[in-house]
Amino acid sequence: MSYLFTTKTQSIMKTKLLLVCTISFLLLSQSIVAQDIIVKKDSQTINCKIKEIGIDDIKYTLPEYSQDVTFAIAKDNVAKVIFENGKELSFQKEMKNPENYSDNKKNALKINFLSPLYGSTSFSYEKSLKPGRSIEGTLGFIGLGIDQQDENPGGAFAKFGYKFIKDPDFYLRGMRYAHVLKGAYFKPELGVSVFGRDGWDYDNYSQYGGKSRETVTSVVLQIIMGKQWVVDNAFLIDFYAGIGYGVSTTDETSYYYGFSIANSSFPISFSSGLKIGLLFK
């Protein structure tokens, strides 16, 4: 009887010991697996326990070191962190963080300040897509200006471009654009011009002739380089110059209201201007 009681007691103790070991193993496994993960931008990972996410860096501890030892990594080097509960938090450079420009007016309406002197009046609309990128469209009314050549022109031109605003040559921690639309830029641009004008017809026997009306169509593809200044988040000045290729229905070097094109034997095009404008939300 005593032998049976001892055997039964030992069996119960073994069962309890096995249960304690199993629970301890599960808890230990969970403590090892349930860690935060820092994913760096070069795809390397750090298994750790995150202690603090600051403005500039992330502080964490490593299981193989004392918990009194705290490590840190710059947020600019981190793509995201994965917390032990599965939630993720992504990071990006302060330069490209849209939240830093929430107070910026991201739309602008401009007028080409000098275009009326050359026979047209043009308006441009620019919209910021994200920090460092914007789109711009221009619509010009030919004939709405001074007719220097006495051609009585009438028509319109349109241009559309995608603007790349220059990043700094190197980044400092916490750096950002002074304004989302401010800075040097380059812009691939497509332009089309269609207008009518009066021209002189000369015969073979006289230097004089009569006037006739002709329609001129031209197309250009240019690279525009410029710089835009923004004043008090309300007013801007945009100076630019461009060069590219152009074709026209006429075979002469001429100004086509919005750009100039050389003759068909050398189809190069030029443009330049000074725009002023107002910003709005």
C-alpha atoms as a PDB file:
ATOM      1  CA  MET A   1       0.000   0.000   0.000  1.00  0.00           C
ATOM      2  CA  SER A   2       2.793   2.414   0.882  1.00  0.00           C
ATOM      3  CA  TYR A   3       4.556   1.506  -2.362  1.00  0.00           C
ATOM      4  CA  LEU A   4       1.480   2.322  -4.423  1.00  0.00           C
ATOM      5  CA  PHE A   5       1.048   5.673  -2.622  1.00  0.00           C
ATOM      6  CA  THR A   6       4.701   6.588  -3.254  1.00  0.00           C
ATOM      7  CA  THR A   7       4.458   5.640  -6.914  1.00  0.00           C
ATOM      8  CA  LYS A   8       1.285   7.684  -7.325  1.00  0.00           C
ATOM      9  CA  THR A   9       2.883  10.668  -5.580  1.00  0.00           C
ATOM     10  CA  GLN A  10       5.937  10.465  -7.809  1.00  0.00           C
ATOM     11  CA  SER A  11       3.721  10.299 -10.885  1.00  0.00           C
ATOM     12  CA  ILE A  12       1.824  13.428  -9.792  1.00  0.00           C
ATOM     13  CA  MET A  13       5.088  15.258  -9.111  1.00  0.00           C
ATOM     14  CA  LYS A  14       6.463  14.278 -12.526  1.00  0.00           C
ATOM     15  CA  THR A  15       3.283  15.520 -14.154  1.00  0.00           C
ATOM     16  CA  LYS A  16       3.485  18.845 -12.299  1.00  0.00           C
ATOM     17  CA  LEU A  17       7.180  19.196 -13.184  1.00  0.00           C
ATOM     18  CA  LEU A  18       6.436  18.490 -16.833  1.00  0.00           C
ATOM     19  CA  LEU A  19       3.616  21.060 -16.779  1.00  0.00           C
ATOM     20  CA  VAL A  20       5.868  23.704 -15.172  1.00  0.00           C
ATOM     21  CA  CYS A  21       8.632  23.034 -17.715  1.00  0.00           C
ATOM     22  CA  THR A  22       6.163  23.232 -20.584  1.00  0.00           C
ATOM     23  CA  ILE A  23       4.725  26.535 -19.339  1.00  0.00           C
ATOM     24  CA  SER A  24       8.221  27.931 -18.758  1.00  0.00           C
ATOM     25  CA  PHE A  25       9.294  26.862 -22.259  1.00  0.00           C
ATOM     26  CA  LEU A  26       6.233  28.479 -23.818  1.00  0.00           C
ATOM     27  CA  LEU A  27       6.809  31.703 -21.890  1.00  0.00           C
ATOM     28  CA  LEU A  28      10.470  31.714 -22.863  1.00  0.00           C
ATOM     29  CA  SER A  29       9.633  31.043 -26.505  1.00  0.00           C
ATOM     30  CA  GLN A  30       7.085  33.825 -26.486  1.00  0.00           C
ATOM     31  CA  SER A  31       9.585  36.259 -24.936  1.00  0.00           C
ATOM     32  CA  ILE A  32      12.099  35.381 -27.648  1.00  0.00           C
ATOM     33  CA  VAL A  33       9.638  35.581 -30.552  1.00  0.00           C
ATOM     34  CA  ALA A  34       7.636  38.556 -29.284  1.00  0.00           C
ATOM     35  CA  GLN A  35      10.194  41.208 -30.152  1.00  0.00           C
ATOM     36  CA  ASP A  36      10.064  44.449 -32.039  1.00  0.00           C
ATOM     37  CA  ILE A  37      11.773  44.518 -35.452  1.00  0.00           C
ATOM     38  CA  ILE A  38      13.544  47.487 -37.005  1.00  0.00           C
ATOM     39  CA  VAL A  39      13.738  47.210 -40.805  1.00  0.00           C
ATOM     40  CA  LYS A  40      16.547  49.352 -42.203  1.00  0.00           C
ATOM     41  CA  LYS A  41      16.458  50.915 -45.667  1.00  0.00           C
ATOM     42  CA  ASP A  42      19.113  48.444 -46.837  1.00  0.00           C
ATOM     43  CA  SER A  43      16.657  45.633 -45.845  1.00  0.00           C
ATOM     44  CA  GLN A  44      18.675  44.531 -42.803  1.00  0.00           C
ATOM     45  CA  THR A  45      16.638  43.846 -39.662  1.00  0.00           C
ATOM     46  CA  ILE A  46      17.270  44.352 -35.953  1.00  0.00           C
ATOM     47  CA  ASN A  47      15.377  42.192 -33.422  1.00  0.00           C
ATOM     48  CA  CYS A  48      15.066  44.320 -30.337  1.00  0.00           C
ATOM     49  CA  LYS A  49      12.807  46.018 -27.820  1.00  0.00           C
ATOM     50  CA  ILE A  50      12.017  49.598 -28.829  1.00  0.00           C
ATOM     51  CA  LYS A  51      12.177  52.010 -25.920  1.00  0.00           C
ATOM     52  CA  GLU A  52      11.655  55.387 -27.579  1.00  0.00           C
ATOM     53  CA  ILE A  53      10.936  56.886 -31.003  1.00  0.00           C
ATOM     54  CA  GLY A  54      12.227  60.451 -30.999  1.00  0.00           C
ATOM     55  CA  ILE A  55      12.279  63.245 -33.540  1.00  0.00           C
ATOM     56  CA  ASP A  56      15.628  62.172 -34.993  1.00  0.00           C
ATOM     57  CA  ASP A  57      16.315  58.614 -33.821  1.00  0.00           C
ATOM     58  CA  ILE A  58      14.926  55.369 -32.405  1.00  0.00           C
ATOM     59  CA  LYS A  59      16.250  53.981 -29.112  1.00  0.00           C
ATOM     60  CA  TYR A  60      16.150  50.261 -28.359  1.00  0.00           C
ATOM     61  CA  THR A  61      17.662  47.450 -26.307  1.00  0.00           C
ATOM     62  CA  LEU A  62      19.014  44.087 -27.473  1.00  0.00           C
ATOM     63  CA  PRO A  63      18.292  40.781 -25.708  1.00  0.00           C
ATOM     64  CA  GLU A  64      21.960  39.717 -25.796  1.00  0.00           C
ATOM     65  CA  TYR A  65      23.037  42.811 -23.877  1.00  0.00           C
ATOM     66  CA  SER A  66      22.120  44.205 -20.500  1.00  0.00           C
ATOM     67  CA  GLN A  67      18.821  46.059 -20.464  1.00  0.00           C
ATOM     68  CA  ASP A  68      20.703  49.021 -19.047  1.00  0.00           C
ATOM     69  CA  VAL A  69      22.494  49.406 -22.405  1.00  0.00           C
ATOM     70  CA  THR A  70      20.435  51.483 -24.870  1.00  0.00           C
ATOM     71  CA  PHE A  71      21.235  51.649 -28.585  1.00  0.00           C
ATOM     72  CA  ALA A  72      20.058  54.252 -31.102  1.00  0.00           C
ATOM     73  CA  ILE A  73      19.609  54.453 -34.861  1.00  0.00           C
ATOM     74  CA  ALA A  74      18.824  57.501 -37.013  1.00  0.00           C
ATOM     75  CA  LYS A  75      15.255  57.516 -38.352  1.00  0.00           C
ATOM     76  CA  ASP A  76      16.600  58.465 -41.803  1.00  0.00           C
ATOM     77  CA  ASN A  77      18.175  54.989 -41.964  1.00  0.00           C
ATOM     78  CA  VAL A  78      14.956  53.167 -41.042  1.00  0.00           C
ATOM     79  CA  ALA A  79      12.268  52.096 -43.512  1.00  0.00           C
ATOM     80  CA  LYS A  80       9.795  50.875 -40.879  1.00  0.00           C
ATOM     81  CA  VAL A  81       9.407  49.194 -37.509  1.00  0.00           C
ATOM     82  CA  ILE A  82       7.242  46.164 -36.765  1.00  0.00           C
ATOM     83  CA  PHE A  83       6.018  46.006 -33.184  1.00  0.00           C
ATOM     84  CA  GLU A  84       5.531  42.744 -31.299  1.00  0.00           C
ATOM     85  CA  ASN A  85       1.742  43.061 -31.693  1.00  0.00           C
ATOM     86  CA  GLY A  86       2.119  43.119 -35.503  1.00  0.00           C
ATOM     87  CA  LYS A  87       1.482  46.822 -36.058  1.00  0.00           C
ATOM     88  CA  GLU A  88       3.851  48.663 -38.436  1.00  0.00           C
ATOM     89  CA  LEU A  89       5.156  52.222 -38.512  1.00  0.00           C
ATOM     90  CA  SER A  90       6.896  53.618 -41.622  1.00  0.00           C
ATOM     91  CA  PHE A  91       9.424  56.451 -41.861  1.00  0.00           C
ATOM     92  CA  GLN A  92      10.706  58.780 -44.554  1.00  0.00           C
ATOM     93  CA  LYS A  93      13.197  61.642 -44.844  1.00  0.00           C
ATOM     94  CA  GLU A  94      12.013  64.893 -43.343  1.00  0.00           C
ATOM     95  CA  MET A  95      12.809  66.497 -46.718  1.00  0.00           C
ATOM     96  CA  LYS A  96      10.101  64.389 -48.385  1.00  0.00           C
ATOM     97  CA  ASN A  97       7.591  64.230 -45.529  1.00  0.00           C
ATOM     98  CA  PRO A  98       4.330  65.892 -46.681  1.00  0.00           C
ATOM     99  CA  GLU A  99       3.375  66.641 -43.073  1.00  0.00           C
ATOM    100  CA  ASN A 100       6.196  69.205 -42.924  1.00  0.00           C
ATOM    101  CA  TYR A 101       4.458  71.265 -45.609  1.00  0.00           C
ATOM    102  CA  SER A 102       0.872  71.114 -44.395  1.00  0.00           C
ATOM    103  CA  ASP A 103       0.849  74.903 -43.934  1.00  0.00           C
ATOM    104  CA  ASN A 104       2.181  75.585 -47.460  1.00  0.00           C
ATOM    105  CA  LYS A 105      -0.157  76.810 -50.174  1.00  0.00           C
ATOM    106  CA  LYS A 106       0.314  74.214 -52.898  1.00  0.00           C
ATOM    107  CA  ASN A 107      -1.404  75.897 -55.871  1.00  0.00           C
ATOM    108  CA  ALA A 108      -0.254  78.928 -57.846  1.00  0.00           C
ATOM    109  CA  LEU A 109      -1.787  81.079 -60.577  1.00  0.00           C
ATOM    110  CA  LYS A 110       0.782  83.027 -62.618  1.00  0.00           C
ATOM    111  CA  ILE A 111       0.936  85.500 -65.480  1.00  0.00           C
ATOM    112  CA  ASN A 112       3.864  85.895 -67.867  1.00  0.00           C
ATOM    113  CA  PHE A 113       4.827  89.428 -66.938  1.00  0.00           C
ATOM    114  CA  LEU A 114       6.466  90.386 -70.265  1.00  0.00           C
ATOM    115  CA  SER A 115       4.367  88.449 -72.794  1.00  0.00           C
ATOM    116  CA  PRO A 116       1.948  91.347 -73.619  1.00  0.00           C
ATOM    117  CA  LEU A 117       4.938  93.241 -75.039  1.00  0.00           C
ATOM    118  CA  TYR A 118       5.312  90.496 -77.667  1.00  0.00           C
ATOM    119  CA  GLY A 119       1.717  90.104 -78.774  1.00  0.00           C
ATOM    120  CA  SER A 120       0.148  87.629 -76.335  1.00  0.00           C
ATOM    121  CA  THR A 121      -1.000  87.213 -72.747  1.00  0.00           C
ATOM    122  CA  SER A 122      -0.455  83.898 -71.001  1.00  0.00           C
ATOM    123  CA  PHE A 123      -1.533  82.409 -67.684  1.00  0.00           C
ATOM    124  CA  SER A 124      -0.068  79.401 -65.891  1.00  0.00           C
ATOM    125  CA  TYR A 125      -1.386  77.118 -63.180  1.00  0.00           C
ATOM    126  CA  GLU A 126       0.984  75.073 -61.019  1.00  0.00           C
ATOM    127  CA  LYS A 127      -0.012  72.369 -58.542  1.00  0.00           C
ATOM    128  CA  SER A 128       2.301  70.607 -56.109  1.00  0.00           C
ATOM    129  CA  LEU A 129       1.931  66.815 -56.235  1.00  0.00           C
ATOM    130  CA  LYS A 130       4.405  66.054 -53.455  1.00  0.00           C
ATOM    131  CA  PRO A 131       7.615  67.601 -52.117  1.00  0.00           C
ATOM    132  CA  GLY A 132       9.964  68.083 -55.076  1.00  0.00           C
ATOM    133  CA  ARG A 133       7.333  67.397 -57.763  1.00  0.00           C
ATOM    134  CA  SER A 134       4.661  69.534 -59.405  1.00  0.00           C
ATOM    135  CA  ILE A 135       2.785  69.920 -62.686  1.00  0.00           C
ATOM    136  CA  GLU A 136       2.287  73.146 -64.606  1.00  0.00           C
ATOM    137  CA  GLY A 137       0.040  74.111 -67.485  1.00  0.00           C
ATOM    138  CA  THR A 138       0.074  77.341 -69.504  1.00  0.00           C
ATOM    139  CA  LEU A 139      -2.584  78.851 -71.760  1.00  0.00           C
ATOM    140  CA  GLY A 140      -1.717  81.850 -73.930  1.00  0.00           C
ATOM    141  CA  PHE A 141      -4.035  84.124 -75.931  1.00  0.00           C
ATOM    142  CA  ILE A 142      -2.290  85.292 -79.101  1.00  0.00           C
ATOM    143  CA  GLY A 143      -3.267  88.795 -80.181  1.00  0.00           C
ATOM    144  CA  LEU A 144      -3.924  89.984 -76.649  1.00  0.00           C
ATOM    145  CA  GLY A 145      -0.906  92.281 -76.562  1.00  0.00           C
ATOM    146  CA  ILE A 146       1.175  94.693 -78.616  1.00  0.00           C
ATOM    147  CA  ASP A 147       1.273  93.848 -82.351  1.00  0.00           C
ATOM    148  CA  GLN A 148       4.859  94.839 -83.115  1.00  0.00           C
ATOM    149  CA  GLN A 149       4.937  93.312 -86.634  1.00  0.00           C
ATOM    150  CA  ASP A 150       1.525  94.581 -87.728  1.00  0.00           C
ATOM    151  CA  GLU A 151       0.405  90.996 -88.426  1.00  0.00           C
ATOM    152  CA  ASN A 152      -2.978  91.167 -86.686  1.00  0.00           C
ATOM    153  CA  PRO A 153      -2.381  87.756 -85.040  1.00  0.00           C
ATOM    154  CA  GLY A 154      -5.135  85.713 -83.430  1.00  0.00           C
ATOM    155  CA  GLY A 155      -5.010  82.276 -81.823  1.00  0.00           C
ATOM    156  CA  ALA A 156      -3.727  80.451 -78.787  1.00  0.00           C
ATOM    157  CA  PHE A 157      -0.888  78.335 -77.475  1.00  0.00           C
ATOM    158  CA  ALA A 158      -0.718  75.776 -74.682  1.00  0.00           C
ATOM    159  CA  LYS A 159       2.157  74.207 -72.776  1.00  0.00           C
ATOM    160  CA  PHE A 160       2.270  71.419 -70.224  1.00  0.00           C
ATOM    161  CA  GLY A 161       5.210  70.264 -68.113  1.00  0.00           C
ATOM    162  CA  TYR A 162       6.213  68.101 -65.169  1.00  0.00           C
ATOM    163  CA  LYS A 163       8.505  69.968 -62.782  1.00  0.00           C
ATOM    164  CA  PHE A 164      11.357  68.445 -60.770  1.00  0.00           C
ATOM    165  CA  ILE A 165      12.436  70.786 -57.968  1.00  0.00           C
ATOM    166  CA  LYS A 166      16.110  70.354 -57.121  1.00  0.00           C
ATOM    167  CA  ASP A 167      17.107  68.489 -53.960  1.00  0.00           C
ATOM    168  CA  PRO A 168      20.139  69.684 -51.975  1.00  0.00           C
ATOM    169  CA  ASP A 169      23.491  68.115 -52.841  1.00  0.00           C
ATOM    170  CA  PHE A 170      23.604  66.609 -49.349  1.00  0.00           C
ATOM    171  CA  TYR A 171      21.123  66.174 -46.509  1.00  0.00           C
ATOM    172  CA  LEU A 172      21.343  67.356 -42.950  1.00  0.00           C
ATOM    173  CA  ARG A 173      19.186  65.800 -40.280  1.00  0.00           C
ATOM    174  CA  GLY A 174      15.824  67.547 -40.128  1.00  0.00           C
ATOM    175  CA  MET A 175      16.377  69.451 -43.403  1.00  0.00           C
ATOM    176  CA  ARG A 176      13.321  70.432 -45.489  1.00  0.00           C
ATOM    177  CA  TYR A 177      12.317  72.729 -48.334  1.00  0.00           C
ATOM    178  CA  ALA A 178      11.726  76.349 -47.350  1.00  0.00           C
ATOM    179  CA  HIS A 179       8.493  76.048 -49.366  1.00  0.00           C
ATOM    180  CA  VAL A 180       7.150  73.122 -51.362  1.00  0.00           C
ATOM    181  CA  LEU A 181       7.129  75.234 -54.585  1.00  0.00           C
ATOM    182  CA  LYS A 182      10.376  77.123 -54.015  1.00  0.00           C
ATOM    183  CA  GLY A 183      13.761  76.409 -55.557  1.00  0.00           C
ATOM    184  CA  ALA A 184      15.683  75.689 -58.741  1.00  0.00           C
ATOM    185  CA  TYR A 185      14.008  73.227 -61.100  1.00  0.00           C
ATOM    186  CA  PHE A 186      14.017  71.599 -64.507  1.00  0.00           C
ATOM    187  CA  LYS A 187      10.875  70.754 -66.416  1.00  0.00           C
ATOM    188  CA  PRO A 188      10.276  68.663 -69.555  1.00  0.00           C
ATOM    189  CA  GLU A 189       7.594  70.589 -71.438  1.00  0.00           C
ATOM    190  CA  LEU A 190       5.420  70.066 -74.513  1.00  0.00           C
ATOM    191  CA  GLY A 191       4.073  73.137 -76.312  1.00  0.00           C
ATOM    192  CA  VAL A 192       1.612  73.694 -79.170  1.00  0.00           C
ATOM    193  CA  SER A 193       0.784  76.978 -80.908  1.00  0.00           C
ATOM    194  CA  VAL A 194      -1.950  77.669 -83.500  1.00  0.00           C
ATOM    195  CA  PHE A 195      -2.693  81.154 -84.797  1.00  0.00           C
ATOM    196  CA  GLY A 196      -3.590  83.176 -87.887  1.00  0.00           C
ATOM    197  CA  ARG A 197      -1.682  86.210 -89.127  1.00  0.00           C
ATOM    198  CA  ASP A 198      -1.538  88.622 -92.036  1.00  0.00           C
ATOM    199  CA  GLY A 199       1.379  88.347 -94.443  1.00  0.00           C
ATOM    200  CA  TRP A 200       2.511  90.081 -97.626  1.00  0.00           C
ATOM    201  CA  ASP A 201       2.420  88.376-100.996  1.00  0.00           C
ATOM    202  CA  TYR A 202       5.102  89.589-103.378  1.00  0.00           C
ATOM    203  CA  ASP A 203       5.050  89.008-107.148  1.00  0.00           C
ATOM    204  CA  ASN A 204       8.020  88.492-109.394  1.00  0.00           C
ATOM    205  CA  TYR A 205       7.806  91.933-110.970  1.00  0.00           C
ATOM    206  CA  SER A 206       7.309  94.179-107.996  1.00  0.00           C
ATOM    207  CA  GLN A 207       8.504  94.526-104.439  1.00  0.00           C
ATOM    208  CA  TYR A 208       4.973  95.345-103.445  1.00  0.00           C
ATOM    209  CA  GLY A 209       2.082  92.978-103.039  1.00  0.00           C
ATOM    210  CA  GLY A 210      -1.157  92.408-101.218  1.00  0.00           C
ATOM    211  CA  LYS A 211      -1.848  91.009 -97.795  1.00  0.00           C
ATOM    212  CA  SER A 212      -3.153  87.493 -97.241  1.00  0.00           C
ATOM    213  CA  ARG A 213      -4.134  85.497 -94.169  1.00  0.00           C
ATOM    214  CA  GLU A 214      -2.284  82.322 -93.183  1.00  0.00           C
ATOM    215  CA  THR A 215      -2.622  79.822 -90.360  1.00  0.00           C
ATOM    216  CA  VAL A 216       0.529  78.728 -88.569  1.00  0.00           C
ATOM    217  CA  THR A 217       0.838  75.593 -86.408  1.00  0.00           C
ATOM    218  CA  SER A 218       3.941  74.708 -84.393  1.00  0.00           C
ATOM    219  CA  VAL A 219       4.966  72.100 -81.805  1.00  0.00           C
ATOM    220  CA  VAL A 220       7.960  72.070 -79.447  1.00  0.00           C
ATOM    221  CA  LEU A 221       9.450  69.677 -76.908  1.00  0.00           C
ATOM    222  CA  GLN A 222      11.771  71.495 -74.526  1.00  0.00           C
ATOM    223  CA  ILE A 223      13.739  71.204 -71.325  1.00  0.00           C
ATOM    224  CA  ILE A 224      13.033  74.220 -69.131  1.00  0.00           C
ATOM    225  CA  MET A 225      15.495  75.339 -66.468  1.00  0.00           C
ATOM    226  CA  GLY A 226      14.423  77.918 -63.938  1.00  0.00           C
ATOM    227  CA  LYS A 227      14.208  79.115 -60.397  1.00  0.00           C
ATOM    228  CA  GLN A 228      11.164  80.063 -58.384  1.00  0.00           C
ATOM    229  CA  TRP A 229      11.071  82.288 -55.318  1.00  0.00           C
ATOM    230  CA  VAL A 230       8.164  82.248 -52.852  1.00  0.00           C
ATOM    231  CA  VAL A 231       7.515  85.240 -50.603  1.00  0.00           C
ATOM    232  CA  ASP A 232       5.524  84.874 -47.380  1.00  0.00           C
ATOM    233  CA  ASN A 233       3.601  81.827 -48.654  1.00  0.00           C
ATOM    234  CA  ALA A 234       1.531  84.209 -50.800  1.00  0.00           C
ATOM    235  CA  PHE A 235       3.491  85.596 -53.768  1.00  0.00           C
ATOM    236  CA  LEU A 236       5.995  84.060 -56.208  1.00  0.00           C
ATOM    237  CA  ILE A 237       8.443  84.993 -58.939  1.00  0.00           C
ATOM    238  CA  ASP A 238       9.446  82.435 -61.576  1.00  0.00           C
ATOM    239  CA  PHE A 239      12.297  83.060 -64.026  1.00  0.00           C
ATOM    240  CA  TYR A 240      13.022  80.414 -66.670  1.00  0.00           C
ATOM    241  CA  ALA A 241      14.708  79.613 -69.993  1.00  0.00           C
ATOM    242  CA  GLY A 242      14.347  76.569 -72.218  1.00  0.00           C
ATOM    243  CA  ILE A 243      15.814  74.808 -75.222  1.00  0.00           C
ATOM    244  CA  GLY A 244      14.622  71.894 -77.307  1.00  0.00           C
ATOM    245  CA  TYR A 245      13.287  70.793 -80.678  1.00  0.00           C
ATOM    246  CA  GLY A 246      10.519  72.453 -82.661  1.00  0.00           C
ATOM    247  CA  VAL A 247       8.657  72.098 -85.954  1.00  0.00           C
ATOM    248  CA  SER A 248       6.317  74.488 -87.734  1.00  0.00           C
ATOM    249  CA  THR A 249       4.170  74.704 -90.864  1.00  0.00           C
ATOM    250  CA  THR A 250       6.312  77.644 -91.975  1.00  0.00           C
ATOM    251  CA  ASP A 251       9.908  77.341 -93.112  1.00  0.00           C
ATOM    252  CA  GLU A 252      11.288  80.408 -91.409  1.00  0.00           C
ATOM    253  CA  THR A 253      12.950  81.397 -88.183  1.00  0.00           C
ATOM    254  CA  SER A 254      10.248  83.078 -86.155  1.00  0.00           C
ATOM    255  CA  TYR A 255       8.657  83.771 -82.792  1.00  0.00           C
ATOM    256  CA  TYR A 256       5.548  81.639 -82.334  1.00  0.00           C
ATOM    257  CA  TYR A 257       4.150  83.275 -79.193  1.00  0.00           C
ATOM    258  CA  GLY A 258       5.419  81.243 -76.259  1.00  0.00           C
ATOM    259  CA  PHE A 259       8.602  80.015 -77.947  1.00  0.00           C
ATOM    260  CA  SER A 260      10.868  80.607 -80.944  1.00  0.00           C
ATOM    261  CA  ILE A 261      11.827  78.044 -83.608  1.00  0.00           C
ATOM    262  CA  ALA A 262      14.660  78.140 -86.122  1.00  0.00           C
ATOM    263  CA  ASN A 263      14.029  77.054 -89.718  1.00  0.00           C
ATOM    264  CA  SER A 264      13.424  73.458 -90.778  1.00  0.00           C
ATOM    265  CA  SER A 265      17.100  72.852 -91.630  1.00  0.00           C
ATOM    266  CA  PHE A 266      17.991  73.413 -87.956  1.00  0.00           C
ATOM    267  CA  PRO A 267      14.818  72.728 -85.894  1.00  0.00           C
ATOM    268  CA  ILE A 268      15.966  74.031 -82.540  1.00  0.00           C
ATOM    269  CA  SER A 269      13.624  75.978 -80.254  1.00  0.00           C
ATOM    270  CA  PHE A 270      14.069  78.492 -77.447  1.00  0.00           C
ATOM    271  CA  SER A 271      11.902  80.073 -74.788  1.00  0.00           C
ATOM    272  CA  SER A 272      12.316  82.319 -71.773  1.00  0.00           C
ATOM    273  CA  GLY A 273      10.151  84.380 -69.497  1.00  0.00           C
ATOM    274  CA  LEU A 274       9.379  85.947 -66.171  1.00  0.00           C
ATOM    275  CA  LYS A 275       6.215  84.924 -64.339  1.00  0.00           C
ATOM    276  CA  ILE A 276       4.657  86.425 -61.249  1.00  0.00           C
ATOM    277  CA  GLY A 277       1.791  84.897 -59.366  1.00  0.00           C
ATOM    278  CA  LEU A 278      -0.286  84.287 -56.282  1.00  0.00           C
ATOM    279  CA  LEU A 279      -0.504  81.137 -54.167  1.00  0.00           C
ATOM    280  CA  PHE A 280      -3.661  79.580 -52.790  1.00  0.00           C
ATOM    281  CA  LYS A 281      -4.739  76.417 -51.024  1.00  0.00           C
END
